[in-house]
Amino acid sequence: MTEQMGKLRWRCRRGMKELDLLTLGYLERHYPAATPDEQRAFADLLELQDPVLMGYMVGRETPAEATAARVVKAMRTLLSSSDDA
């Protein structure tokens, strides 16, 4: 699991700082307890281009696939909780 987390952590490095914070936040807070399907959906989301992923984060779009949509929803909660800080 540690090697996999390291690879995912590397893939969380994005071109936008906001996406770095959201993807790393999900990886650290939600990924370990996520279902295998949610973990796979998160890895798939990391394959998307930054503008598409950011569109999901700000709510312009929602993934069509239900599991990916749940992961995005969890990531959005990180966005709103960081606004409260």
PDB file of N, CA and C in Angstrom:
ATOM      1  N   MET A   1       0.831  -1.208   0.000  1.00  0.00           N
ATOM      2  CA  MET A   1       0.000   0.000   0.000  1.00  0.00           C
ATOM      3  C   MET A   1       0.866   1.259   0.000  1.00  0.00           C
ATOM      4  N   THR A   2       1.995   1.231   0.694  1.00  0.00           N
ATOM      5  CA  THR A   2       2.849   2.414   0.787  1.00  0.00           C
ATOM      6  C   THR A   2       3.391   2.828  -0.572  1.00  0.00           C
ATOM      7  N   GLU A   3       3.817   1.853  -1.375  1.00  0.00           N
ATOM      8  CA  GLU A   3       4.332   2.178  -2.708  1.00  0.00           C
ATOM      9  C   GLU A   3       3.220   2.783  -3.564  1.00  0.00           C
ATOM     10  N   GLN A   4       2.023   2.212  -3.463  1.00  0.00           N
ATOM     11  CA  GLN A   4       0.891   2.737  -4.211  1.00  0.00           C
ATOM     12  C   GLN A   4       0.577   4.173  -3.774  1.00  0.00           C
ATOM     13  N   MET A   5       0.617   4.430  -2.471  1.00  0.00           N
ATOM     14  CA  MET A   5       0.361   5.787  -1.966  1.00  0.00           C
ATOM     15  C   MET A   5       1.415   6.752  -2.501  1.00  0.00           C
ATOM     16  N   GLY A   6       2.661   6.324  -2.549  1.00  0.00           N
ATOM     17  CA  GLY A   6       3.725   7.171  -3.081  1.00  0.00           C
ATOM     18  C   GLY A   6       3.485   7.535  -4.537  1.00  0.00           C
ATOM     19  N   LYS A   7       3.066   6.547  -5.323  1.00  0.00           N
ATOM     20  CA  LYS A   7       2.775   6.806  -6.735  1.00  0.00           C
ATOM     21  C   LYS A   7       1.596   7.759  -6.883  1.00  0.00           C
ATOM     22  N   LEU A   8       0.561   7.541  -6.082  1.00  0.00           N
ATOM     23  CA  LEU A   8      -0.597   8.431  -6.143  1.00  0.00           C
ATOM     24  C   LEU A   8      -0.226   9.837  -5.687  1.00  0.00           C
ATOM     25  N   ARG A   9       0.579   9.929  -4.644  1.00  0.00           N
ATOM     26  CA  ARG A   9       1.011  11.252  -4.154  1.00  0.00           C
ATOM     27  C   ARG A   9       1.733  11.995  -5.278  1.00  0.00           C
ATOM     28  N   TRP A  10       2.577  11.306  -6.022  1.00  0.00           N
ATOM     29  CA  TRP A  10       3.278  11.927  -7.135  1.00  0.00           C
ATOM     30  C   TRP A  10       2.289  12.397  -8.198  1.00  0.00           C
ATOM     31  N   ARG A  11       1.271  11.568  -8.488  1.00  0.00           N
ATOM     32  CA  ARG A  11       0.275  11.925  -9.504  1.00  0.00           C
ATOM     33  C   ARG A  11      -0.622  13.069  -9.043  1.00  0.00           C
ATOM     34  N   CYS A  12      -0.672  13.337  -7.745  1.00  0.00           N
ATOM     35  CA  CYS A  12      -1.462  14.453  -7.219  1.00  0.00           C
ATOM     36  C   CYS A  12      -0.801  15.798  -7.507  1.00  0.00           C
ATOM     37  N   ARG A  13       0.437  15.782  -7.920  1.00  0.00           N
ATOM     38  CA  ARG A  13       1.128  17.032  -8.257  1.00  0.00           C
ATOM     39  C   ARG A  13       0.568  17.526  -9.582  1.00  0.00           C
ATOM     40  N   ARG A  14      -0.137  18.633  -9.526  1.00  0.00           N
ATOM     41  CA  ARG A  14      -0.844  19.158 -10.683  1.00  0.00           C
ATOM     42  C   ARG A  14      -0.214  20.471 -11.129  1.00  0.00           C
ATOM     43  N   GLY A  15      -0.772  21.054 -12.162  1.00  0.00           N
ATOM     44  CA  GLY A  15      -0.306  22.354 -12.635  1.00  0.00           C
ATOM     45  C   GLY A  15      -0.916  23.511 -11.867  1.00  0.00           C
ATOM     46  N   MET A  16      -1.908  23.221 -11.045  1.00  0.00           N
ATOM     47  CA  MET A  16      -2.597  24.260 -10.275  1.00  0.00           C
ATOM     48  C   MET A  16      -2.479  23.925  -8.794  1.00  0.00           C
ATOM     49  N   LYS A  17      -2.054  24.889  -8.005  1.00  0.00           N
ATOM     50  CA  LYS A  17      -1.876  24.651  -6.569  1.00  0.00           C
ATOM     51  C   LYS A  17      -3.169  24.187  -5.901  1.00  0.00           C
ATOM     52  N   GLU A  18      -4.307  24.769  -6.326  1.00  0.00           N
ATOM     53  CA  GLU A  18      -5.591  24.393  -5.741  1.00  0.00           C
ATOM     54  C   GLU A  18      -5.866  22.909  -5.937  1.00  0.00           C
ATOM     55  N   LEU A  19      -5.554  22.396  -7.134  1.00  0.00           N
ATOM     56  CA  LEU A  19      -5.757  20.981  -7.390  1.00  0.00           C
ATOM     57  C   LEU A  19      -4.776  20.128  -6.590  1.00  0.00           C
ATOM     58  N   ASP A  20      -3.553  20.602  -6.431  1.00  0.00           N
ATOM     59  CA  ASP A  20      -2.593  19.889  -5.573  1.00  0.00           C
ATOM     60  C   ASP A  20      -3.180  19.686  -4.185  1.00  0.00           C
ATOM     61  N   LEU A  21      -3.711  20.766  -3.624  1.00  0.00           N
ATOM     62  CA  LEU A  21      -4.244  20.709  -2.258  1.00  0.00           C
ATOM     63  C   LEU A  21      -5.448  19.782  -2.163  1.00  0.00           C
ATOM     64  N   LEU A  22      -6.322  19.824  -3.146  1.00  0.00           N
ATOM     65  CA  LEU A  22      -7.520  18.980  -3.119  1.00  0.00           C
ATOM     66  C   LEU A  22      -7.192  17.508  -3.333  1.00  0.00           C
ATOM     67  N   THR A  23      -6.341  17.224  -4.301  1.00  0.00           N
ATOM     68  CA  THR A  23      -6.021  15.825  -4.566  1.00  0.00           C
ATOM     69  C   THR A  23      -5.217  15.224  -3.417  1.00  0.00           C
ATOM     70  N   LEU A  24      -4.245  15.971  -2.912  1.00  0.00           N
ATOM     71  CA  LEU A  24      -3.476  15.473  -1.764  1.00  0.00           C
ATOM     72  C   LEU A  24      -4.342  15.364  -0.518  1.00  0.00           C
ATOM     73  N   GLY A  25      -5.249  16.319  -0.336  1.00  0.00           N
ATOM     74  CA  GLY A  25      -6.157  16.275   0.806  1.00  0.00           C
ATOM     75  C   GLY A  25      -7.026  15.028   0.774  1.00  0.00           C
ATOM     76  N   TYR A  26      -7.550  14.699  -0.404  1.00  0.00           N
ATOM     77  CA  TYR A  26      -8.363  13.492  -0.522  1.00  0.00           C
ATOM     78  C   TYR A  26      -7.503  12.258  -0.257  1.00  0.00           C
ATOM     79  N   LEU A  27      -6.315  12.240  -0.848  1.00  0.00           N
ATOM     80  CA  LEU A  27      -5.428  11.095  -0.683  1.00  0.00           C
ATOM     81  C   LEU A  27      -5.134  10.836   0.796  1.00  0.00           C
ATOM     82  N   GLU A  28      -4.866  11.868   1.534  1.00  0.00           N
ATOM     83  CA  GLU A  28      -4.493  11.709   2.940  1.00  0.00           C
ATOM     84  C   GLU A  28      -5.693  11.457   3.853  1.00  0.00           C
ATOM     85  N   ARG A  29      -6.820  12.109   3.579  1.00  0.00           N
ATOM     86  CA  ARG A  29      -7.961  12.038   4.500  1.00  0.00           C
ATOM     87  C   ARG A  29      -8.985  10.973   4.162  1.00  0.00           C
ATOM     88  N   HIS A  30      -9.214  10.732   2.872  1.00  0.00           N
ATOM     89  CA  HIS A  30     -10.308   9.847   2.467  1.00  0.00           C
ATOM     90  C   HIS A  30      -9.844   8.544   1.820  1.00  0.00           C
ATOM     91  N   TYR A  31      -8.771   8.588   1.065  1.00  0.00           N
ATOM     92  CA  TYR A  31      -8.354   7.431   0.271  1.00  0.00           C
ATOM     93  C   TYR A  31      -8.142   6.167   1.109  1.00  0.00           C
ATOM     94  N   PRO A  32      -7.448   6.243   2.251  1.00  0.00           N
ATOM     95  CA  PRO A  32      -7.201   4.998   2.993  1.00  0.00           C
ATOM     96  C   PRO A  32      -8.476   4.251   3.406  1.00  0.00           C
ATOM     97  N   ALA A  33      -9.551   4.961   3.666  1.00  0.00           N
ATOM     98  CA  ALA A  33     -10.801   4.329   4.097  1.00  0.00           C
ATOM     99  C   ALA A  33     -11.781   4.128   2.936  1.00  0.00           C
ATOM    100  N   ALA A  34     -11.414   4.570   1.750  1.00  0.00           N
ATOM    101  CA  ALA A  34     -12.307   4.467   0.594  1.00  0.00           C
ATOM    102  C   ALA A  34     -12.441   3.012   0.151  1.00  0.00           C
ATOM    103  N   THR A  35     -13.545   2.721  -0.503  1.00  0.00           N
ATOM    104  CA  THR A  35     -13.742   1.384  -1.071  1.00  0.00           C
ATOM    105  C   THR A  35     -12.775   1.199  -2.243  1.00  0.00           C
ATOM    106  N   PRO A  36     -12.515  -0.041  -2.630  1.00  0.00           N
ATOM    107  CA  PRO A  36     -11.656  -0.248  -3.810  1.00  0.00           C
ATOM    108  C   PRO A  36     -12.174   0.462  -5.054  1.00  0.00           C
ATOM    109  N   ASP A  37     -13.493   0.499  -5.240  1.00  0.00           N
ATOM    110  CA  ASP A  37     -14.050   1.212  -6.403  1.00  0.00           C
ATOM    111  C   ASP A  37     -13.774   2.707  -6.316  1.00  0.00           C
ATOM    112  N   GLU A  38     -13.893   3.275  -5.114  1.00  0.00           N
ATOM    113  CA  GLU A  38     -13.608   4.701  -4.936  1.00  0.00           C
ATOM    114  C   GLU A  38     -12.119   4.985  -5.129  1.00  0.00           C
ATOM    115  N   GLN A  39     -11.275   4.093  -4.663  1.00  0.00           N
ATOM    116  CA  GLN A  39      -9.837   4.266  -4.876  1.00  0.00           C
ATOM    117  C   GLN A  39      -9.505   4.245  -6.367  1.00  0.00           C
ATOM    118  N   ARG A  40     -10.138   3.330  -7.082  1.00  0.00           N
ATOM    119  CA  ARG A  40      -9.923   3.245  -8.530  1.00  0.00           C
ATOM    120  C   ARG A  40     -10.449   4.513  -9.220  1.00  0.00           C
ATOM    121  N   ALA A  41     -11.615   4.997  -8.784  1.00  0.00           N
ATOM    122  CA  ALA A  41     -12.180   6.219  -9.376  1.00  0.00           C
ATOM    123  C   ALA A  41     -11.257   7.411  -9.131  1.00  0.00           C
ATOM    124  N   PHE A  42     -10.676   7.494  -7.934  1.00  0.00           N
ATOM    125  CA  PHE A  42      -9.742   8.582  -7.634  1.00  0.00           C
ATOM    126  C   PHE A  42      -8.537   8.513  -8.565  1.00  0.00           C
ATOM    127  N   ALA A  43      -7.980   7.320  -8.734  1.00  0.00           N
ATOM    128  CA  ALA A  43      -6.832   7.162  -9.637  1.00  0.00           C
ATOM    129  C   ALA A  43      -7.215   7.571 -11.060  1.00  0.00           C
ATOM    130  N   ASP A  44      -8.426   7.217 -11.486  1.00  0.00           N
ATOM    131  CA  ASP A  44      -8.892   7.610 -12.821  1.00  0.00           C
ATOM    132  C   ASP A  44      -9.036   9.126 -12.930  1.00  0.00           C
ATOM    133  N   LEU A  45      -9.539   9.757 -11.874  1.00  0.00           N
ATOM    134  CA  LEU A  45      -9.676  11.221 -11.884  1.00  0.00           C
ATOM    135  C   LEU A  45      -8.318  11.896 -12.044  1.00  0.00           C
ATOM    136  N   LEU A  46      -7.279  11.304 -11.466  1.00  0.00           N
ATOM    137  CA  LEU A  46      -5.946  11.888 -11.572  1.00  0.00           C
ATOM    138  C   LEU A  46      -5.410  11.848 -13.000  1.00  0.00           C
ATOM    139  N   GLU A  47      -6.025  11.041 -13.858  1.00  0.00           N
ATOM    140  CA  GLU A  47      -5.614  10.962 -15.261  1.00  0.00           C
ATOM    141  C   GLU A  47      -6.198  12.104 -16.102  1.00  0.00           C
ATOM    142  N   LEU A  48      -7.174  12.807 -15.563  1.00  0.00           N
ATOM    143  CA  LEU A  48      -7.832  13.877 -16.315  1.00  0.00           C
ATOM    144  C   LEU A  48      -6.938  15.115 -16.426  1.00  0.00           C
ATOM    145  N   GLN A  49      -7.208  15.912 -17.433  1.00  0.00           N
ATOM    146  CA  GLN A  49      -6.514  17.188 -17.590  1.00  0.00           C
ATOM    147  C   GLN A  49      -6.965  18.137 -16.484  1.00  0.00           C
ATOM    148  N   ASP A  50      -6.090  19.048 -16.086  1.00  0.00           N
ATOM    149  CA  ASP A  50      -6.400  19.982 -15.002  1.00  0.00           C
ATOM    150  C   ASP A  50      -7.704  20.771 -15.218  1.00  0.00           C
ATOM    151  N   PRO A  51      -7.965  21.319 -16.409  1.00  0.00           N
ATOM    152  CA  PRO A  51      -9.207  22.089 -16.569  1.00  0.00           C
ATOM    153  C   PRO A  51     -10.471  21.249 -16.331  1.00  0.00           C
ATOM    154  N   VAL A  52     -10.441  19.989 -16.742  1.00  0.00           N
ATOM    155  CA  VAL A  52     -11.591  19.104 -16.531  1.00  0.00           C
ATOM    156  C   VAL A  52     -11.761  18.834 -15.045  1.00  0.00           C
ATOM    157  N   LEU A  53     -10.663  18.491 -14.383  1.00  0.00           N
ATOM    158  CA  LEU A  53     -10.716  18.206 -12.948  1.00  0.00           C
ATOM    159  C   LEU A  53     -11.150  19.440 -12.164  1.00  0.00           C
ATOM    160  N   MET A  54     -10.662  20.607 -12.542  1.00  0.00           N
ATOM    161  CA  MET A  54     -11.062  21.832 -11.858  1.00  0.00           C
ATOM    162  C   MET A  54     -12.553  22.110 -12.085  1.00  0.00           C
ATOM    163  N   GLY A  55     -13.055  21.811 -13.272  1.00  0.00           N
ATOM    164  CA  GLY A  55     -14.481  21.953 -13.540  1.00  0.00           C
ATOM    165  C   GLY A  55     -15.317  21.106 -12.592  1.00  0.00           C
ATOM    166  N   TYR A  56     -14.843  19.924 -12.296  1.00  0.00           N
ATOM    167  CA  TYR A  56     -15.522  19.070 -11.312  1.00  0.00           C
ATOM    168  C   TYR A  56     -15.445  19.684  -9.916  1.00  0.00           C
ATOM    169  N   MET A  57     -14.290  20.223  -9.563  1.00  0.00           N
ATOM    170  CA  MET A  57     -14.092  20.753  -8.209  1.00  0.00           C
ATOM    171  C   MET A  57     -14.969  21.975  -7.927  1.00  0.00           C
ATOM    172  N   VAL A  58     -15.157  22.815  -8.934  1.00  0.00           N
ATOM    173  CA  VAL A  58     -15.955  24.027  -8.723  1.00  0.00           C
ATOM    174  C   VAL A  58     -17.429  23.810  -9.051  1.00  0.00           C
ATOM    175  N   GLY A  59     -17.788  22.597  -9.455  1.00  0.00           N
ATOM    176  CA  GLY A  59     -19.189  22.267  -9.685  1.00  0.00           C
ATOM    177  C   GLY A  59     -19.732  22.634 -11.046  1.00  0.00           C
ATOM    178  N   ARG A  60     -18.851  22.996 -11.974  1.00  0.00           N
ATOM    179  CA  ARG A  60     -19.322  23.281 -13.338  1.00  0.00           C
ATOM    180  C   ARG A  60     -19.849  22.016 -13.994  1.00  0.00           C
ATOM    181  N   GLU A  61     -19.221  20.891 -13.654  1.00  0.00           N
ATOM    182  CA  GLU A  61     -19.612  19.598 -14.206  1.00  0.00           C
ATOM    183  C   GLU A  61     -19.540  18.563 -13.092  1.00  0.00           C
ATOM    184  N   THR A  62     -20.195  17.434 -13.327  1.00  0.00           N
ATOM    185  CA  THR A  62     -20.142  16.308 -12.405  1.00  0.00           C
ATOM    186  C   THR A  62     -19.850  15.062 -13.235  1.00  0.00           C
ATOM    187  N   PRO A  63     -18.965  14.197 -12.756  1.00  0.00           N
ATOM    188  CA  PRO A  63     -18.696  12.974 -13.521  1.00  0.00           C
ATOM    189  C   PRO A  63     -19.981  12.165 -13.727  1.00  0.00           C
ATOM    190  N   ALA A  64     -20.104  11.550 -14.881  1.00  0.00           N
ATOM    191  CA  ALA A  64     -21.282  10.738 -15.187  1.00  0.00           C
ATOM    192  C   ALA A  64     -21.285   9.451 -14.355  1.00  0.00           C
ATOM    193  N   GLU A  65     -20.123   8.925 -14.059  1.00  0.00           N
ATOM    194  CA  GLU A  65     -20.017   7.672 -13.319  1.00  0.00           C
ATOM    195  C   GLU A  65     -20.246   7.939 -11.830  1.00  0.00           C
ATOM    196  N   ALA A  66     -21.126   7.165 -11.207  1.00  0.00           N
ATOM    197  CA  ALA A  66     -21.573   7.426  -9.834  1.00  0.00           C
ATOM    198  C   ALA A  66     -20.440   7.378  -8.814  1.00  0.00           C
ATOM    199  N   THR A  67     -19.537   6.421  -8.937  1.00  0.00           N
ATOM    200  CA  THR A  67     -18.446   6.322  -7.966  1.00  0.00           C
ATOM    201  C   THR A  67     -17.520   7.525  -8.071  1.00  0.00           C
ATOM    202  N   ALA A  68     -17.192   7.922  -9.295  1.00  0.00           N
ATOM    203  CA  ALA A  68     -16.357   9.108  -9.495  1.00  0.00           C
ATOM    204  C   ALA A  68     -17.060  10.340  -8.944  1.00  0.00           C
ATOM    205  N   ALA A  69     -18.368  10.422  -9.119  1.00  0.00           N
ATOM    206  CA  ALA A  69     -19.121  11.562  -8.590  1.00  0.00           C
ATOM    207  C   ALA A  69     -19.037  11.605  -7.061  1.00  0.00           C
ATOM    208  N   ARG A  70     -19.068  10.434  -6.390  1.00  0.00           N
ATOM    209  CA  ARG A  70     -18.922  10.395  -4.933  1.00  0.00           C
ATOM    210  C   ARG A  70     -17.542  10.885  -4.501  1.00  0.00           C
ATOM    211  N   VAL A  71     -16.516  10.481  -5.239  1.00  0.00           N
ATOM    212  CA  VAL A  71     -15.155  10.924  -4.921  1.00  0.00           C
ATOM    213  C   VAL A  71     -15.044  12.436  -5.096  1.00  0.00           C
ATOM    214  N   VAL A  72     -15.587  12.946  -6.185  1.00  0.00           N
ATOM    215  CA  VAL A  72     -15.558  14.394  -6.428  1.00  0.00           C
ATOM    216  C   VAL A  72     -16.303  15.134  -5.318  1.00  0.00           C
ATOM    217  N   LYS A  73     -17.423  14.581  -4.890  1.00  0.00           N
ATOM    218  CA  LYS A  73     -18.185  15.211  -3.800  1.00  0.00           C
ATOM    219  C   LYS A  73     -17.335  15.281  -2.528  1.00  0.00           C
ATOM    220  N   ALA A  74     -16.619  14.213  -2.225  1.00  0.00           N
ATOM    221  CA  ALA A  74     -15.740  14.216  -1.055  1.00  0.00           C
ATOM    222  C   ALA A  74     -14.627  15.248  -1.217  1.00  0.00           C
ATOM    223  N   MET A  75     -14.090  15.364  -2.422  1.00  0.00           N
ATOM    224  CA  MET A  75     -13.044  16.358  -2.676  1.00  0.00           C
ATOM    225  C   MET A  75     -13.604  17.770  -2.542  1.00  0.00           C
ATOM    226  N   ARG A  76     -14.839  17.977  -2.987  1.00  0.00           N
ATOM    227  CA  ARG A  76     -15.467  19.301  -2.846  1.00  0.00           C
ATOM    228  C   ARG A  76     -15.651  19.676  -1.379  1.00  0.00           C
ATOM    229  N   THR A  77     -15.896  18.689  -0.519  1.00  0.00           N
ATOM    230  CA  THR A  77     -16.032  19.006   0.901  1.00  0.00           C
ATOM    231  C   THR A  77     -14.715  19.542   1.445  1.00  0.00           C
ATOM    232  N   LEU A  78     -13.592  19.080   0.893  1.00  0.00           N
ATOM    233  CA  LEU A  78     -12.286  19.617   1.299  1.00  0.00           C
ATOM    234  C   LEU A  78     -12.178  21.070   0.881  1.00  0.00           C
ATOM    235  N   LEU A  79     -12.731  21.395  -0.270  1.00  0.00           N
ATOM    236  CA  LEU A  79     -12.702  22.774  -0.773  1.00  0.00           C
ATOM    237  C   LEU A  79     -13.502  23.674   0.164  1.00  0.00           C
ATOM    238  N   SER A  80     -14.699  23.241   0.549  1.00  0.00           N
ATOM    239  CA  SER A  80     -15.515  24.074   1.416  1.00  0.00           C
ATOM    240  C   SER A  80     -14.946  24.158   2.826  1.00  0.00           C
ATOM    241  N   SER A  81     -14.331  23.069   3.307  1.00  0.00           N
ATOM    242  CA  SER A  81     -13.748  23.124   4.657  1.00  0.00           C
ATOM    243  C   SER A  81     -12.495  23.991   4.678  1.00  0.00           C
ATOM    244  N   SER A  82     -11.770  24.075   3.566  1.00  0.00           N
ATOM    245  CA  SER A  82     -10.601  24.953   3.530  1.00  0.00           C
ATOM    246  C   SER A  82     -11.021  26.412   3.467  1.00  0.00           C
ATOM    247  N   ASP A  83     -12.213  26.688   2.923  1.00  0.00           N
ATOM    248  CA  ASP A  83     -12.728  28.058   2.896  1.00  0.00           C
ATOM    249  C   ASP A  83     -13.086  28.527   4.313  1.00  0.00           C
ATOM    250  N   ASP A  84     -13.475  27.584   5.170  1.00  0.00           N
ATOM    251  CA  ASP A  84     -13.861  27.915   6.535  1.00  0.00           C
ATOM    252  C   ASP A  84     -12.667  28.251   7.427  1.00  0.00           C
ATOM    253  N   ALA A  85     -11.503  27.807   7.012  1.00  0.00           N
ATOM    254  CA  ALA A  85     -10.297  27.999   7.847  1.00  0.00           C
ATOM    255  C   ALA A  85      -9.854  29.429   7.899  1.00  0.00           C
TER     256      ALA A  85
END
